């Protein structure tokens, strides 16, 4: 269950950035969100 929170937060951030951003900025934001979520889930910030 502890892994669900960052995944949900990442999904919400992805949806918001998908709706609000355009072009290269959107791509960079999506990649950054996914990288940060992966680092958090796999133990980088623990």
N, C-alpha and C. Protein backbone atom coordinates (compact mmCIF):
# COMPACT_ATOMS: atom_id res chain seq x y z
N UNK A 1 0.83 -1.20 0.00
CA UNK A 1 0.00 0.00 0.00
C UNK A 1 0.87 1.26 0.00
N UNK A 2 2.06 1.18 0.57
CA UNK A 2 2.92 2.36 0.64
C UNK A 2 3.40 2.80 -0.74
N UNK A 3 3.40 1.87 -1.71
CA UNK A 3 3.82 2.23 -3.07
C UNK A 3 2.69 2.87 -3.86
N UNK A 4 1.46 2.75 -3.38
CA UNK A 4 0.31 3.28 -4.10
C UNK A 4 0.27 4.81 -4.09
N UNK A 5 0.70 5.42 -3.00
CA UNK A 5 0.62 6.87 -2.86
C UNK A 5 1.46 7.59 -3.92
N UNK A 6 2.75 7.27 -4.08
CA UNK A 6 3.52 7.98 -5.11
C UNK A 6 3.02 7.68 -6.52
N UNK A 7 2.48 6.50 -6.74
CA UNK A 7 1.95 6.18 -8.06
C UNK A 7 0.72 7.02 -8.35
N UNK A 8 -0.16 7.16 -7.38
CA UNK A 8 -1.36 7.99 -7.56
C UNK A 8 -0.97 9.45 -7.76
N UNK A 9 -0.02 9.93 -6.97
CA UNK A 9 0.44 11.32 -7.11
C UNK A 9 1.05 11.52 -8.49
N UNK A 10 1.85 10.56 -8.95
CA UNK A 10 2.46 10.66 -10.28
C UNK A 10 1.39 10.66 -11.37
N UNK A 11 0.38 9.83 -11.24
CA UNK A 11 -0.69 9.80 -12.24
C UNK A 11 -1.45 11.12 -12.29
N UNK A 12 -1.72 11.69 -11.13
CA UNK A 12 -2.41 12.98 -11.09
C UNK A 12 -1.54 14.06 -11.73
N UNK A 13 -0.24 14.05 -11.43
CA UNK A 13 0.67 15.03 -12.02
C UNK A 13 0.76 14.85 -13.53
N UNK A 14 0.75 13.61 -13.99
CA UNK A 14 0.79 13.35 -15.43
C UNK A 14 -0.46 13.90 -16.11
N UNK A 15 -1.62 13.65 -15.53
CA UNK A 15 -2.87 14.14 -16.12
C UNK A 15 -2.89 15.66 -16.17
N UNK A 16 -2.46 16.30 -15.08
CA UNK A 16 -2.44 17.77 -15.04
C UNK A 16 -1.48 18.32 -16.08
N UNK A 17 -0.27 17.75 -16.15
CA UNK A 17 0.70 18.26 -17.12
C UNK A 17 0.26 17.97 -18.54
N UNK A 18 -0.41 16.84 -18.77
CA UNK A 18 -0.90 16.50 -20.11
C UNK A 18 -1.92 17.53 -20.58
N UNK A 19 -2.77 17.99 -19.66
CA UNK A 19 -3.82 18.95 -20.02
C UNK A 19 -3.29 20.38 -20.15
N UNK A 20 -2.30 20.76 -19.33
CA UNK A 20 -1.89 22.16 -19.25
C UNK A 20 -0.68 22.52 -20.11
N UNK A 21 0.20 21.55 -20.37
CA UNK A 21 1.44 21.87 -21.05
C UNK A 21 1.39 21.42 -22.52
N UNK A 22 2.32 21.96 -23.31
CA UNK A 22 2.37 21.63 -24.73
C UNK A 22 3.81 21.42 -25.17
N UNK A 23 3.98 20.61 -26.20
CA UNK A 23 5.26 20.45 -26.87
C UNK A 23 6.36 19.83 -26.01
N UNK A 24 7.55 20.37 -26.18
CA UNK A 24 8.74 19.84 -25.50
C UNK A 24 8.63 19.99 -23.98
N UNK A 25 8.00 21.05 -23.52
CA UNK A 25 7.83 21.25 -22.07
C UNK A 25 7.00 20.11 -21.49
N UNK A 26 5.96 19.70 -22.20
CA UNK A 26 5.11 18.59 -21.77
C UNK A 26 5.93 17.31 -21.67
N UNK A 27 6.73 17.04 -22.68
CA UNK A 27 7.55 15.83 -22.69
C UNK A 27 8.54 15.82 -21.53
N UNK A 28 9.21 16.93 -21.31
CA UNK A 28 10.18 17.02 -20.21
C UNK A 28 9.48 16.84 -18.87
N UNK A 29 8.33 17.46 -18.70
CA UNK A 29 7.60 17.33 -17.44
C UNK A 29 7.15 15.89 -17.20
N UNK A 30 6.66 15.23 -18.24
CA UNK A 30 6.21 13.85 -18.09
C UNK A 30 7.37 12.92 -17.73
N UNK A 31 8.49 13.10 -18.40
CA UNK A 31 9.67 12.27 -18.10
C UNK A 31 10.15 12.52 -16.68
N UNK A 32 10.19 13.78 -16.26
CA UNK A 32 10.64 14.11 -14.91
C UNK A 32 9.71 13.50 -13.86
N UNK A 33 8.42 13.55 -14.07
CA UNK A 33 7.46 12.97 -13.13
C UNK A 33 7.68 11.47 -13.02
N UNK A 34 7.83 10.81 -14.15
CA UNK A 34 8.03 9.36 -14.13
C UNK A 34 9.35 8.98 -13.48
N UNK A 35 10.40 9.72 -13.74
CA UNK A 35 11.70 9.43 -13.13
C UNK A 35 11.64 9.62 -11.62
N UNK A 36 11.05 10.71 -11.17
CA UNK A 36 10.95 10.94 -9.72
C UNK A 36 10.10 9.88 -9.03
N UNK A 37 9.01 9.47 -9.66
CA UNK A 37 8.18 8.41 -9.08
C UNK A 37 8.95 7.10 -9.01
N UNK A 38 9.70 6.78 -10.05
CA UNK A 38 10.48 5.54 -10.06
C UNK A 38 11.57 5.56 -8.99
N UNK A 39 12.25 6.69 -8.84
CA UNK A 39 13.28 6.81 -7.82
C UNK A 39 12.67 6.64 -6.43
N UNK A 40 11.52 7.25 -6.22
CA UNK A 40 10.87 7.14 -4.92
C UNK A 40 10.45 5.70 -4.63
N UNK A 41 9.80 5.06 -5.60
CA UNK A 41 9.28 3.71 -5.40
C UNK A 41 10.41 2.70 -5.21
N UNK A 42 11.49 2.86 -5.96
CA UNK A 42 12.56 1.87 -5.89
C UNK A 42 13.66 2.21 -4.89
N UNK A 43 13.39 3.15 -3.99
CA UNK A 43 14.26 3.34 -2.84
C UNK A 43 15.27 4.46 -2.89
N UNK A 44 15.19 5.34 -3.85
CA UNK A 44 16.15 6.42 -3.93
C UNK A 44 16.00 7.47 -2.84
N UNK A 45 14.80 7.70 -2.35
CA UNK A 45 14.56 8.75 -1.35
C UNK A 45 14.29 8.19 0.05
N UNK A 46 14.41 6.89 0.23
CA UNK A 46 14.06 6.30 1.53
C UNK A 46 15.22 6.32 2.45
